[in-house]
């Protein structure tokens, strides 16, 4: 699946990884790039077409899919995060419900709405922006991790469901990325442009999974080790 000549729809494309993915799609010759965003005010990116979409609102998603019926690549990027103290924090249940609405059910809703659109194309693809915390226990990210683990599982099941219509499904796993969302976190971070490039490289090569940084590569490799990082996150 080539980016050149494709029409790309990216949720949460007004900033961070989403915006980097939009810019990289244009750089690779995409025929059209739609930026799905909850609020259209204040968004202005040369060559990118803003489209209103709220991934928690089914009617909003339906309108976006109808408006963008030429889409051949869907990128599910919209996501939110909220920190807790640990798994015993009394806010875990409420925060997890909020995370699931966007990070999990948002992907489900948008994928289902755009599946008929993608089915009409000779070749099509879905790229889901996931996280390395699907595999690693990080106390302050307990709700976020649960939502991303659910999204990873759905990605794998969607790959099976969409195979019959020739729609490829790619999961993007990455650690901290240098965006406004992580501005106050003092840890090593990936450049969003590098993440976008690696993601499209894998998609164009026919791969199914992007491990966008060295930490994520190491983490994935540990899953079958005697001391996997999801059980021993401190090594």
C-alpha atoms as a PDB file:
ATOM      1  CA  UNK A   1       0.000   0.000   0.000  1.00  0.00           C
ATOM      2  CA  UNK A   2       1.614   3.242  -1.138  1.00  0.00           C
ATOM      3  CA  UNK A   3       1.018   6.624   0.447  1.00  0.00           C
ATOM      4  CA  UNK A   4       1.561   8.352  -2.884  1.00  0.00           C
ATOM      5  CA  UNK A   5      -1.821   8.951  -4.498  1.00  0.00           C
ATOM      6  CA  UNK A   6      -3.735   7.759  -1.420  1.00  0.00           C
ATOM      7  CA  UNK A   7      -6.347   9.709   0.498  1.00  0.00           C
ATOM      8  CA  UNK A   8      -5.585   9.701   4.221  1.00  0.00           C
ATOM      9  CA  UNK A   9      -7.893  10.447   7.159  1.00  0.00           C
ATOM     10  CA  UNK A  10      -6.210  10.978  10.540  1.00  0.00           C
ATOM     11  CA  UNK A  11      -8.121  11.422  13.789  1.00  0.00           C
ATOM     12  CA  UNK A  12      -6.567  13.774  16.322  1.00  0.00           C
ATOM     13  CA  UNK A  13      -4.441  15.312  13.572  1.00  0.00           C
ATOM     14  CA  UNK A  14      -4.311  18.842  14.949  1.00  0.00           C
ATOM     15  CA  UNK A  15      -1.143  18.221  16.970  1.00  0.00           C
ATOM     16  CA  UNK A  16       1.556  15.771  18.037  1.00  0.00           C
ATOM     17  CA  UNK A  17       1.859  12.423  16.284  1.00  0.00           C
ATOM     18  CA  UNK A  18      -1.317  13.045  14.298  1.00  0.00           C
ATOM     19  CA  UNK A  19       0.005  16.262  12.785  1.00  0.00           C
ATOM     20  CA  UNK A  20       3.359  14.617  12.052  1.00  0.00           C
ATOM     21  CA  UNK A  21       1.542  11.788  10.262  1.00  0.00           C
ATOM     22  CA  UNK A  22      -0.437  14.314   8.224  1.00  0.00           C
ATOM     23  CA  UNK A  23       2.685  16.197   7.168  1.00  0.00           C
ATOM     24  CA  UNK A  24       4.557  13.005   6.318  1.00  0.00           C
ATOM     25  CA  UNK A  25       1.637  11.751   4.209  1.00  0.00           C
ATOM     26  CA  UNK A  26       1.765  14.958   2.180  1.00  0.00           C
ATOM     27  CA  UNK A  27       5.542  14.688   1.863  1.00  0.00           C
ATOM     28  CA  UNK A  28       5.098  11.187   0.414  1.00  0.00           C
ATOM     29  CA  UNK A  29       2.669  12.382  -2.210  1.00  0.00           C
ATOM     30  CA  UNK A  30      -0.740  11.631  -0.718  1.00  0.00           C
ATOM     31  CA  UNK A  31      -3.462  12.912  -3.012  1.00  0.00           C
ATOM     32  CA  UNK A  32      -5.434  14.267  -0.067  1.00  0.00           C
ATOM     33  CA  UNK A  33      -5.047  14.402   3.706  1.00  0.00           C
ATOM     34  CA  UNK A  34      -7.978  14.948   6.049  1.00  0.00           C
ATOM     35  CA  UNK A  35      -7.284  16.106   9.595  1.00  0.00           C
ATOM     36  CA  UNK A  36     -10.016  14.826  11.885  1.00  0.00           C
ATOM     37  CA  UNK A  37     -10.371  17.132  14.865  1.00  0.00           C
ATOM     38  CA  UNK A  38     -13.042  17.892  17.461  1.00  0.00           C
ATOM     39  CA  UNK A  39     -12.769  21.648  16.935  1.00  0.00           C
ATOM     40  CA  UNK A  40     -12.086  23.245  13.580  1.00  0.00           C
ATOM     41  CA  UNK A  41     -11.308  26.693  15.003  1.00  0.00           C
ATOM     42  CA  UNK A  42      -7.623  27.532  15.077  1.00  0.00           C
ATOM     43  CA  UNK A  43      -6.449  24.678  12.857  1.00  0.00           C
ATOM     44  CA  UNK A  44      -4.550  25.728   9.762  1.00  0.00           C
ATOM     45  CA  UNK A  45      -2.047  23.456   8.061  1.00  0.00           C
ATOM     46  CA  UNK A  46      -1.116  23.937   4.398  1.00  0.00           C
ATOM     47  CA  UNK A  47      -2.446  21.122   2.229  1.00  0.00           C
ATOM     48  CA  UNK A  48      -4.440  19.470   5.024  1.00  0.00           C
ATOM     49  CA  UNK A  49      -8.251  19.515   5.018  1.00  0.00           C
ATOM     50  CA  UNK A  50      -9.826  19.816   8.493  1.00  0.00           C
ATOM     51  CA  UNK A  51     -12.898  17.680   9.198  1.00  0.00           C
ATOM     52  CA  UNK A  52     -14.921  17.815  12.395  1.00  0.00           C
ATOM     53  CA  UNK A  53     -15.052  14.499  14.227  1.00  0.00           C
ATOM     54  CA  UNK A  54     -15.573  13.507  17.842  1.00  0.00           C
ATOM     55  CA  UNK A  55     -14.621   9.856  18.289  1.00  0.00           C
ATOM     56  CA  UNK A  56     -16.996   9.580  21.263  1.00  0.00           C
ATOM     57  CA  UNK A  57     -19.985  10.667  19.146  1.00  0.00           C
ATOM     58  CA  UNK A  58     -21.406   8.155  16.657  1.00  0.00           C
ATOM     59  CA  UNK A  59     -23.266  10.759  14.594  1.00  0.00           C
ATOM     60  CA  UNK A  60     -20.142  12.898  14.276  1.00  0.00           C
ATOM     61  CA  UNK A  61     -18.220   9.853  13.039  1.00  0.00           C
ATOM     62  CA  UNK A  62     -20.966   8.920  10.562  1.00  0.00           C
ATOM     63  CA  UNK A  63     -20.914  12.433   9.069  1.00  0.00           C
ATOM     64  CA  UNK A  64     -17.131  12.359   8.716  1.00  0.00           C
ATOM     65  CA  UNK A  65     -17.192   8.981   6.962  1.00  0.00           C
ATOM     66  CA  UNK A  66     -19.902  10.198   4.578  1.00  0.00           C
ATOM     67  CA  UNK A  67     -18.030  13.434   3.876  1.00  0.00           C
ATOM     68  CA  UNK A  68     -14.732  11.629   3.248  1.00  0.00           C
ATOM     69  CA  UNK A  69     -15.880   8.724   1.099  1.00  0.00           C
ATOM     70  CA  UNK A  70     -12.642   8.814  -0.918  1.00  0.00           C
ATOM     71  CA  UNK A  71     -10.474   7.704   2.012  1.00  0.00           C
ATOM     72  CA  UNK A  72      -8.136   4.765   1.375  1.00  0.00           C
ATOM     73  CA  UNK A  73      -5.985   5.011   4.528  1.00  0.00           C
ATOM     74  CA  UNK A  74      -7.509   5.535   7.971  1.00  0.00           C
ATOM     75  CA  UNK A  75      -5.276   6.502  10.887  1.00  0.00           C
ATOM     76  CA  UNK A  76      -6.813   6.097  14.344  1.00  0.00           C
ATOM     77  CA  UNK A  77      -4.660   8.475  16.351  1.00  0.00           C
ATOM     78  CA  UNK A  78      -7.027  10.377  18.667  1.00  0.00           C
ATOM     79  CA  UNK A  79      -6.278   9.640  22.298  1.00  0.00           C
ATOM     80  CA  UNK A  80      -6.224  11.066  25.798  1.00  0.00           C
ATOM     81  CA  UNK A  81      -4.318  10.365  28.990  1.00  0.00           C
ATOM     82  CA  UNK A  82      -4.878  11.075  32.686  1.00  0.00           C
ATOM     83  CA  UNK A  83      -2.548  10.058  35.491  1.00  0.00           C
ATOM     84  CA  UNK A  84      -3.384   8.244  38.732  1.00  0.00           C
ATOM     85  CA  UNK A  85      -1.203   7.283  41.688  1.00  0.00           C
ATOM     86  CA  UNK A  86      -1.346   3.510  41.073  1.00  0.00           C
ATOM     87  CA  UNK A  87      -3.776   0.619  40.522  1.00  0.00           C
ATOM     88  CA  UNK A  88      -5.351   1.156  43.955  1.00  0.00           C
ATOM     89  CA  UNK A  89      -6.190   4.813  43.374  1.00  0.00           C
ATOM     90  CA  UNK A  90      -9.915   5.288  44.023  1.00  0.00           C
ATOM     91  CA  UNK A  91     -10.183   7.172  40.707  1.00  0.00           C
ATOM     92  CA  UNK A  92      -9.014   4.234  38.588  1.00  0.00           C
ATOM     93  CA  UNK A  93     -12.476   3.024  37.607  1.00  0.00           C
ATOM     94  CA  UNK A  94     -13.799   6.456  36.578  1.00  0.00           C
ATOM     95  CA  UNK A  95     -10.616   7.455  34.758  1.00  0.00           C
ATOM     96  CA  UNK A  96     -10.439   4.109  32.956  1.00  0.00           C
ATOM     97  CA  UNK A  97     -14.000   4.548  31.690  1.00  0.00           C
ATOM     98  CA  UNK A  98     -13.009   7.927  30.259  1.00  0.00           C
ATOM     99  CA  UNK A  99      -9.857   6.492  28.669  1.00  0.00           C
ATOM    100  CA  UNK A 100     -11.783   3.608  27.123  1.00  0.00           C
ATOM    101  CA  UNK A 101     -14.361   5.926  25.543  1.00  0.00           C
ATOM    102  CA  UNK A 102     -11.671   7.634  23.467  1.00  0.00           C
ATOM    103  CA  UNK A 103      -8.705   5.288  23.253  1.00  0.00           C
ATOM    104  CA  UNK A 104     -10.621   2.039  22.731  1.00  0.00           C
ATOM    105  CA  UNK A 105     -14.242   2.628  21.755  1.00  0.00           C
ATOM    106  CA  UNK A 106     -13.142   5.568  19.601  1.00  0.00           C
ATOM    107  CA  UNK A 107     -11.034   3.212  17.484  1.00  0.00           C
ATOM    108  CA  UNK A 108     -13.874   0.702  17.321  1.00  0.00           C
ATOM    109  CA  UNK A 109     -16.429   3.313  16.222  1.00  0.00           C
ATOM    110  CA  UNK A 110     -14.249   4.985  13.614  1.00  0.00           C
ATOM    111  CA  UNK A 111     -12.977   1.696  12.162  1.00  0.00           C
ATOM    112  CA  UNK A 112     -16.496   0.331  11.806  1.00  0.00           C
ATOM    113  CA  UNK A 113     -17.778   3.545  10.222  1.00  0.00           C
ATOM    114  CA  UNK A 114     -14.964   3.763   7.672  1.00  0.00           C
ATOM    115  CA  UNK A 115     -14.762   0.027   6.868  1.00  0.00           C
ATOM    116  CA  UNK A 116     -17.373   0.248   4.057  1.00  0.00           C
ATOM    117  CA  UNK A 117     -15.515   3.256   2.616  1.00  0.00           C
ATOM    118  CA  UNK A 118     -12.224   1.348   2.633  1.00  0.00           C
ATOM    119  CA  UNK A 119     -13.875  -1.734   1.160  1.00  0.00           C
ATOM    120  CA  UNK A 120     -14.621   0.173  -2.043  1.00  0.00           C
ATOM    121  CA  UNK A 121     -10.918   0.745  -2.745  1.00  0.00           C
ATOM    122  CA  UNK A 122      -8.642  -1.754  -4.546  1.00  0.00           C
ATOM    123  CA  UNK A 123      -6.166  -1.330  -1.691  1.00  0.00           C
ATOM    124  CA  UNK A 124      -6.725   0.232   1.708  1.00  0.00           C
ATOM    125  CA  UNK A 125      -5.262   0.304   5.192  1.00  0.00           C
ATOM    126  CA  UNK A 126      -5.906   1.158   8.837  1.00  0.00           C
ATOM    127  CA  UNK A 127      -3.093   2.395  11.085  1.00  0.00           C
ATOM    128  CA  UNK A 128      -3.855   2.348  14.811  1.00  0.00           C
ATOM    129  CA  UNK A 129      -1.675   4.420  17.129  1.00  0.00           C
ATOM    130  CA  UNK A 130      -1.108   2.254  20.197  1.00  0.00           C
ATOM    131  CA  UNK A 131       1.552   2.370  22.950  1.00  0.00           C
ATOM    132  CA  UNK A 132       4.331   0.383  24.558  1.00  0.00           C
ATOM    133  CA  UNK A 133       2.357   0.488  27.821  1.00  0.00           C
ATOM    134  CA  UNK A 134       0.076  -2.150  26.314  1.00  0.00           C
ATOM    135  CA  UNK A 135       2.919  -4.437  27.404  1.00  0.00           C
ATOM    136  CA  UNK A 136       4.506  -2.618  30.339  1.00  0.00           C
ATOM    137  CA  UNK A 137       3.077  -1.890  33.780  1.00  0.00           C
ATOM    138  CA  UNK A 138       3.493   1.794  34.652  1.00  0.00           C
ATOM    139  CA  UNK A 139       1.641   2.670  37.865  1.00  0.00           C
ATOM    140  CA  UNK A 140       0.632   6.250  37.017  1.00  0.00           C
ATOM    141  CA  UNK A 141      -0.662   5.103  33.625  1.00  0.00           C
ATOM    142  CA  UNK A 142      -2.883   2.261  34.876  1.00  0.00           C
ATOM    143  CA  UNK A 143      -6.103   3.441  33.134  1.00  0.00           C
ATOM    144  CA  UNK A 144      -4.284   4.556  29.982  1.00  0.00           C
ATOM    145  CA  UNK A 145      -2.408   1.249  29.799  1.00  0.00           C
ATOM    146  CA  UNK A 146      -5.644  -0.717  30.094  1.00  0.00           C
ATOM    147  CA  UNK A 147      -7.248   1.305  27.301  1.00  0.00           C
ATOM    148  CA  UNK A 148      -4.252   0.834  25.011  1.00  0.00           C
ATOM    149  CA  UNK A 149      -4.064  -2.895  25.750  1.00  0.00           C
ATOM    150  CA  UNK A 150      -7.712  -3.142  24.721  1.00  0.00           C
ATOM    151  CA  UNK A 151      -6.967  -1.142  21.570  1.00  0.00           C
ATOM    152  CA  UNK A 152      -4.085  -3.486  20.725  1.00  0.00           C
ATOM    153  CA  UNK A 153      -6.366  -6.505  21.080  1.00  0.00           C
ATOM    154  CA  UNK A 154      -9.015  -4.875  18.886  1.00  0.00           C
ATOM    155  CA  UNK A 155      -6.362  -4.040  16.294  1.00  0.00           C
ATOM    156  CA  UNK A 156      -5.431  -7.719  16.032  1.00  0.00           C
ATOM    157  CA  UNK A 157      -9.061  -8.754  15.689  1.00  0.00           C
ATOM    158  CA  UNK A 158      -9.796  -6.012  13.151  1.00  0.00           C
ATOM    159  CA  UNK A 159      -6.879  -7.291  11.068  1.00  0.00           C
ATOM    160  CA  UNK A 160      -8.708 -10.606  10.720  1.00  0.00           C
ATOM    161  CA  UNK A 161     -12.085  -9.013  10.019  1.00  0.00           C
ATOM    162  CA  UNK A 162     -10.782  -6.591   7.375  1.00  0.00           C
ATOM    163  CA  UNK A 163      -8.535  -9.044   5.552  1.00  0.00           C
ATOM    164  CA  UNK A 164     -11.398 -10.262   3.369  1.00  0.00           C
ATOM    165  CA  UNK A 165     -11.913  -6.774   1.925  1.00  0.00           C
ATOM    166  CA  UNK A 166      -8.172  -6.305   1.287  1.00  0.00           C
ATOM    167  CA  UNK A 167      -7.743  -3.705   4.029  1.00  0.00           C
ATOM    168  CA  UNK A 168      -4.404  -4.022   5.815  1.00  0.00           C
ATOM    169  CA  UNK A 169      -4.236  -3.224   9.539  1.00  0.00           C
ATOM    170  CA  UNK A 170      -1.068  -1.893  11.162  1.00  0.00           C
ATOM    171  CA  UNK A 171      -0.482  -1.336  14.887  1.00  0.00           C
ATOM    172  CA  UNK A 172       1.944   1.394  15.947  1.00  0.00           C
ATOM    173  CA  UNK A 173       3.665   0.803  19.290  1.00  0.00           C
ATOM    174  CA  UNK A 174       5.777   3.615  20.695  1.00  0.00           C
ATOM    175  CA  UNK A 175       6.988   4.956  24.030  1.00  0.00           C
ATOM    176  CA  UNK A 176       7.105   8.626  24.977  1.00  0.00           C
ATOM    177  CA  UNK A 177       7.014  11.004  22.010  1.00  0.00           C
ATOM    178  CA  UNK A 178       8.130  14.637  22.120  1.00  0.00           C
ATOM    179  CA  UNK A 179       4.750  16.381  21.926  1.00  0.00           C
ATOM    180  CA  UNK A 180       2.858  18.917  24.034  1.00  0.00           C
ATOM    181  CA  UNK A 181       1.156  15.965  25.765  1.00  0.00           C
ATOM    182  CA  UNK A 182       4.493  14.890  27.283  1.00  0.00           C
ATOM    183  CA  UNK A 183       6.032  18.339  27.739  1.00  0.00           C
ATOM    184  CA  UNK A 184       6.317  17.971  31.521  1.00  0.00           C
ATOM    185  CA  UNK A 185       7.739  14.444  31.516  1.00  0.00           C
ATOM    186  CA  UNK A 186      11.534  14.209  31.852  1.00  0.00           C
ATOM    187  CA  UNK A 187      12.260  10.960  29.982  1.00  0.00           C
ATOM    188  CA  UNK A 188      13.802  10.063  26.614  1.00  0.00           C
ATOM    189  CA  UNK A 189      11.343  10.838  23.816  1.00  0.00           C
ATOM    190  CA  UNK A 190      11.034  10.019  20.141  1.00  0.00           C
ATOM    191  CA  UNK A 191      10.720  12.709  17.501  1.00  0.00           C
ATOM    192  CA  UNK A 192       7.155  12.576  16.110  1.00  0.00           C
ATOM    193  CA  UNK A 193       8.501  12.985  12.573  1.00  0.00           C
ATOM    194  CA  UNK A 194      10.611   9.853  13.008  1.00  0.00           C
ATOM    195  CA  UNK A 195       7.586   7.972  14.329  1.00  0.00           C
ATOM    196  CA  UNK A 196       5.532   9.048  11.315  1.00  0.00           C
ATOM    197  CA  UNK A 197       8.258   8.004   8.873  1.00  0.00           C
ATOM    198  CA  UNK A 198       8.708   4.565  10.476  1.00  0.00           C
ATOM    199  CA  UNK A 199       4.947   4.027  10.532  1.00  0.00           C
ATOM    200  CA  UNK A 200       4.495   4.717   6.838  1.00  0.00           C
ATOM    201  CA  UNK A 201       7.619   2.711   5.984  1.00  0.00           C
ATOM    202  CA  UNK A 202       6.070  -0.358   7.616  1.00  0.00           C
ATOM    203  CA  UNK A 203       2.669   0.270   6.040  1.00  0.00           C
ATOM    204  CA  UNK A 204       4.191   0.635   2.574  1.00  0.00           C
ATOM    205  CA  UNK A 205       6.296  -2.493   3.070  1.00  0.00           C
ATOM    206  CA  UNK A 206       3.206  -4.554   3.917  1.00  0.00           C
ATOM    207  CA  UNK A 207       4.076  -4.993   7.589  1.00  0.00           C
ATOM    208  CA  UNK A 208       1.590  -5.381  10.413  1.00  0.00           C
ATOM    209  CA  UNK A 209       3.351  -3.814  13.378  1.00  0.00           C
ATOM    210  CA  UNK A 210       5.521  -0.755  13.978  1.00  0.00           C
ATOM    211  CA  UNK A 211       7.996  -0.749  16.863  1.00  0.00           C
ATOM    212  CA  UNK A 212       8.929   2.900  16.648  1.00  0.00           C
ATOM    213  CA  UNK A 213      11.816   3.178  19.132  1.00  0.00           C
ATOM    214  CA  UNK A 214      14.543   1.062  20.682  1.00  0.00           C
ATOM    215  CA  UNK A 215      12.780   0.802  24.032  1.00  0.00           C
ATOM    216  CA  UNK A 216       9.669  -0.628  22.401  1.00  0.00           C
ATOM    217  CA  UNK A 217      11.728  -3.127  20.407  1.00  0.00           C
ATOM    218  CA  UNK A 218      13.398  -4.294  23.629  1.00  0.00           C
ATOM    219  CA  UNK A 219      10.094  -4.422  25.494  1.00  0.00           C
ATOM    220  CA  UNK A 220       8.364  -6.517  22.818  1.00  0.00           C
ATOM    221  CA  UNK A 221      11.308  -8.916  22.754  1.00  0.00           C
ATOM    222  CA  UNK A 222      11.018  -9.403  26.532  1.00  0.00           C
ATOM    223  CA  UNK A 223       7.449 -10.728  26.414  1.00  0.00           C
ATOM    224  CA  UNK A 224       8.601 -14.330  26.092  1.00  0.00           C
ATOM    225  CA  UNK A 225      11.650 -13.942  28.330  1.00  0.00           C
ATOM    226  CA  UNK A 226      12.036 -15.562  31.757  1.00  0.00           C
ATOM    227  CA  UNK A 227      11.680 -12.086  33.288  1.00  0.00           C
ATOM    228  CA  UNK A 228       9.239 -10.269  30.986  1.00  0.00           C
ATOM    229  CA  UNK A 229       8.978  -6.517  31.510  1.00  0.00           C
ATOM    230  CA  UNK A 230       5.226  -6.647  32.014  1.00  0.00           C
ATOM    231  CA  UNK A 231       5.858  -8.654  35.210  1.00  0.00           C
ATOM    232  CA  UNK A 232       9.213  -7.099  36.131  1.00  0.00           C
ATOM    233  CA  UNK A 233       8.950  -3.530  34.774  1.00  0.00           C
ATOM    234  CA  UNK A 234      12.029  -2.401  36.696  1.00  0.00           C
ATOM    235  CA  UNK A 235      14.244  -5.017  35.069  1.00  0.00           C
END
